[in-house]
Amino acid sequence: MFRQIKSAIIWAYIWRFRKLLLRLAVIALLIFIIQYFYADVVEYLRYSHRENKIFEALLLKWAAIVALLALAIYFIAQALKKEPAKGKQKDTKEVEKPKKLSKKEIRKKAQEIIESKIKR
């Protein structure tokens, strides 16, 4: 029975954070692609006898990886940020009370509404 409860909890969290998990999977895939390209570029630079450019490729690779990791941290922070309850927002807003209209103003508004309906 404990296994079923544990499984239900895990699947509930996966469902709750599905967008975050998808974004993190895409970021991990991009990091693997960057590593593959870096290995390919280093191999090309060695065959073309330009070993002095390997350091620049290494800096570029790590700059891209650090940028992707910063993006992942930003996504995690946004997902874990607590949103204020919707019911509490309504309470904090000030409700405007309608002002009392005189009988002349009421007649005038009613006449305007009737005229606008007739024009249609």
C-alpha atoms as a PDB file:
ATOM      1  CA  MET A   1       0.000   0.000   0.000  1.00  0.00           C
ATOM      2  CA  PHE A   2       2.886   2.342   0.754  1.00  0.00           C
ATOM      3  CA  ARG A   3       4.217   1.829  -2.787  1.00  0.00           C
ATOM      4  CA  GLN A   4       0.917   2.977  -4.285  1.00  0.00           C
ATOM      5  CA  ILE A   5       0.847   6.113  -2.139  1.00  0.00           C
ATOM      6  CA  LYS A   6       4.477   6.885  -2.974  1.00  0.00           C
ATOM      7  CA  SER A   7       3.787   6.369  -6.679  1.00  0.00           C
ATOM      8  CA  ALA A   8       0.720   8.610  -6.553  1.00  0.00           C
ATOM      9  CA  ILE A   9       2.682  11.375  -4.839  1.00  0.00           C
ATOM     10  CA  ILE A  10       5.505  11.140  -7.378  1.00  0.00           C
ATOM     11  CA  TRP A  11       3.103  11.266 -10.331  1.00  0.00           C
ATOM     12  CA  ALA A  12       1.243  14.185  -8.767  1.00  0.00           C
ATOM     13  CA  TYR A  13       4.489  16.180  -8.544  1.00  0.00           C
ATOM     14  CA  ILE A  14       5.449  15.189 -12.095  1.00  0.00           C
ATOM     15  CA  TRP A  15       2.080  16.414 -13.315  1.00  0.00           C
ATOM     16  CA  ARG A  16       2.308  19.627 -11.282  1.00  0.00           C
ATOM     17  CA  PHE A  17       5.777  20.512 -12.559  1.00  0.00           C
ATOM     18  CA  ARG A  18       5.468  19.073 -16.075  1.00  0.00           C
ATOM     19  CA  LYS A  19       6.375  22.364 -17.814  1.00  0.00           C
ATOM     20  CA  LEU A  20       9.434  22.786 -15.631  1.00  0.00           C
ATOM     21  CA  LEU A  21      10.550  19.200 -16.201  1.00  0.00           C
ATOM     22  CA  LEU A  22      10.138  19.594 -19.959  1.00  0.00           C
ATOM     23  CA  ARG A  23      12.180  22.799 -19.957  1.00  0.00           C
ATOM     24  CA  LEU A  24      14.912  21.185 -17.868  1.00  0.00           C
ATOM     25  CA  ALA A  25      14.994  18.185 -20.217  1.00  0.00           C
ATOM     26  CA  VAL A  26      15.411  20.509 -23.200  1.00  0.00           C
ATOM     27  CA  ILE A  27      18.219  22.363 -21.399  1.00  0.00           C
ATOM     28  CA  ALA A  28      19.979  19.058 -20.606  1.00  0.00           C
ATOM     29  CA  LEU A  29      19.643  18.009 -24.249  1.00  0.00           C
ATOM     30  CA  LEU A  30      21.140  21.322 -25.376  1.00  0.00           C
ATOM     31  CA  ILE A  31      24.084  20.837 -23.013  1.00  0.00           C
ATOM     32  CA  PHE A  32      24.761  17.390 -24.508  1.00  0.00           C
ATOM     33  CA  ILE A  33      24.549  18.851 -28.017  1.00  0.00           C
ATOM     34  CA  ILE A  34      27.011  21.605 -27.055  1.00  0.00           C
ATOM     35  CA  GLN A  35      29.410  18.969 -25.699  1.00  0.00           C
ATOM     36  CA  TYR A  36      29.119  16.972 -28.953  1.00  0.00           C
ATOM     37  CA  PHE A  37      29.824  20.050 -31.093  1.00  0.00           C
ATOM     38  CA  TYR A  38      32.740  21.020 -28.877  1.00  0.00           C
ATOM     39  CA  ALA A  39      34.352  17.596 -29.314  1.00  0.00           C
ATOM     40  CA  ASP A  40      33.842  17.864 -33.061  1.00  0.00           C
ATOM     41  CA  VAL A  41      35.344  21.370 -33.212  1.00  0.00           C
ATOM     42  CA  VAL A  42      38.373  20.339 -31.126  1.00  0.00           C
ATOM     43  CA  GLU A  43      38.969  17.379 -33.428  1.00  0.00           C
ATOM     44  CA  TYR A  44      38.747  19.642 -36.478  1.00  0.00           C
ATOM     45  CA  LEU A  45      41.138  22.191 -34.944  1.00  0.00           C
ATOM     46  CA  ARG A  46      43.672  19.466 -34.158  1.00  0.00           C
ATOM     47  CA  TYR A  47      43.557  18.102 -37.711  1.00  0.00           C
ATOM     48  CA  SER A  48      43.924  21.585 -39.175  1.00  0.00           C
ATOM     49  CA  HIS A  49      46.855  22.329 -36.815  1.00  0.00           C
ATOM     50  CA  ARG A  50      45.157  25.267 -35.091  1.00  0.00           C
ATOM     51  CA  GLU A  51      45.526  24.169 -31.488  1.00  0.00           C
ATOM     52  CA  ASN A  52      45.752  27.793 -30.351  1.00  0.00           C
ATOM     53  CA  LYS A  53      41.998  28.204 -31.065  1.00  0.00           C
ATOM     54  CA  ILE A  54      40.984  25.352 -28.718  1.00  0.00           C
ATOM     55  CA  PHE A  55      41.014  27.669 -25.682  1.00  0.00           C
ATOM     56  CA  GLU A  56      38.522  30.016 -27.393  1.00  0.00           C
ATOM     57  CA  ALA A  57      36.267  27.066 -28.213  1.00  0.00           C
ATOM     58  CA  LEU A  58      36.479  25.943 -24.595  1.00  0.00           C
ATOM     59  CA  LEU A  59      35.490  29.404 -23.332  1.00  0.00           C
ATOM     60  CA  LEU A  60      32.578  29.534 -25.767  1.00  0.00           C
ATOM     61  CA  LYS A  61      31.399  26.076 -24.688  1.00  0.00           C
ATOM     62  CA  TRP A  62      31.453  26.962 -20.986  1.00  0.00           C
ATOM     63  CA  ALA A  63      29.791  30.325 -21.573  1.00  0.00           C
ATOM     64  CA  ALA A  64      26.910  28.558 -23.309  1.00  0.00           C
ATOM     65  CA  ILE A  65      26.656  25.914 -20.567  1.00  0.00           C
ATOM     66  CA  VAL A  66      26.689  28.523 -17.781  1.00  0.00           C
ATOM     67  CA  ALA A  67      23.991  30.522 -19.610  1.00  0.00           C
ATOM     68  CA  LEU A  68      21.809  27.413 -19.916  1.00  0.00           C
ATOM     69  CA  LEU A  69      22.330  26.574 -16.232  1.00  0.00           C
ATOM     70  CA  ALA A  70      21.372  30.128 -15.257  1.00  0.00           C
ATOM     71  CA  LEU A  71      18.239  29.754 -17.376  1.00  0.00           C
ATOM     72  CA  ALA A  72      17.447  26.476 -15.608  1.00  0.00           C
ATOM     73  CA  ILE A  73      17.857  28.126 -12.199  1.00  0.00           C
ATOM     74  CA  TYR A  74      15.538  30.943 -13.312  1.00  0.00           C
ATOM     75  CA  PHE A  75      12.883  28.428 -14.433  1.00  0.00           C
ATOM     76  CA  ILE A  76      13.136  26.561 -11.119  1.00  0.00           C
ATOM     77  CA  ALA A  77      12.831  29.790  -9.138  1.00  0.00           C
ATOM     78  CA  GLN A  78       9.747  30.828 -11.130  1.00  0.00           C
ATOM     79  CA  ALA A  79       8.117  27.419 -10.615  1.00  0.00           C
ATOM     80  CA  LEU A  80       8.720  27.436  -6.865  1.00  0.00           C
ATOM     81  CA  LYS A  81       7.666  31.054  -6.372  1.00  0.00           C
ATOM     82  CA  LYS A  82       4.474  31.203  -4.360  1.00  0.00           C
ATOM     83  CA  GLU A  83       1.581  32.885  -6.105  1.00  0.00           C
ATOM     84  CA  PRO A  84      -0.834  34.922  -3.994  1.00  0.00           C
ATOM     85  CA  ALA A  85      -4.254  33.388  -3.569  1.00  0.00           C
ATOM     86  CA  LYS A  86      -6.870  34.717  -5.962  1.00  0.00           C
ATOM     87  CA  GLY A  87      -9.491  35.110  -3.237  1.00  0.00           C
ATOM     88  CA  LYS A  88      -7.227  37.333  -1.173  1.00  0.00           C
ATOM     89  CA  GLN A  89      -6.634  39.689  -4.097  1.00  0.00           C
ATOM     90  CA  LYS A  90     -10.314  40.464  -4.350  1.00  0.00           C
ATOM     91  CA  ASP A  91     -10.463  41.374  -0.674  1.00  0.00           C
ATOM     92  CA  THR A  92      -7.614  43.860  -0.911  1.00  0.00           C
ATOM     93  CA  LYS A  93      -9.152  45.834  -3.755  1.00  0.00           C
ATOM     94  CA  GLU A  94     -11.270  48.752  -2.769  1.00  0.00           C
ATOM     95  CA  VAL A  95     -14.829  48.440  -3.958  1.00  0.00           C
ATOM     96  CA  GLU A  96     -16.244  51.649  -5.343  1.00  0.00           C
ATOM     97  CA  LYS A  97     -19.661  52.477  -4.086  1.00  0.00           C
ATOM     98  CA  PRO A  98     -21.964  53.878  -6.724  1.00  0.00           C
ATOM     99  CA  LYS A  99     -22.924  57.451  -6.048  1.00  0.00           C
ATOM    100  CA  LYS A 100     -26.566  58.323  -5.502  1.00  0.00           C
ATOM    101  CA  LEU A 101     -28.203  59.788  -8.564  1.00  0.00           C
ATOM    102  CA  SER A 102     -30.974  62.304  -8.453  1.00  0.00           C
ATOM    103  CA  LYS A 103     -34.268  61.624 -10.204  1.00  0.00           C
ATOM    104  CA  LYS A 104     -33.330  63.970 -13.063  1.00  0.00           C
ATOM    105  CA  GLU A 105     -30.044  62.177 -13.630  1.00  0.00           C
ATOM    106  CA  ILE A 106     -31.799  58.791 -13.608  1.00  0.00           C
ATOM    107  CA  ARG A 107     -34.349  60.013 -16.181  1.00  0.00           C
ATOM    108  CA  LYS A 108     -31.565  61.439 -18.346  1.00  0.00           C
ATOM    109  CA  LYS A 109     -29.580  58.172 -18.268  1.00  0.00           C
ATOM    110  CA  ALA A 110     -32.702  56.150 -19.050  1.00  0.00           C
ATOM    111  CA  GLN A 111     -33.491  58.431 -21.988  1.00  0.00           C
ATOM    112  CA  GLU A 112     -29.924  58.027 -23.318  1.00  0.00           C
ATOM    113  CA  ILE A 113     -30.179  54.245 -23.103  1.00  0.00           C
ATOM    114  CA  ILE A 114     -33.541  54.239 -24.892  1.00  0.00           C
ATOM    115  CA  GLU A 115     -32.207  56.507 -27.662  1.00  0.00           C
ATOM    116  CA  SER A 116     -29.131  54.321 -28.151  1.00  0.00           C
ATOM    117  CA  LYS A 117     -31.339  51.211 -28.429  1.00  0.00           C
ATOM    118  CA  ILE A 118     -33.591  52.916 -30.993  1.00  0.00           C
ATOM    119  CA  LYS A 119     -30.618  53.974 -33.160  1.00  0.00           C
ATOM    120  CA  ARG A 120     -29.449  50.390 -33.495  1.00  0.00           C
END
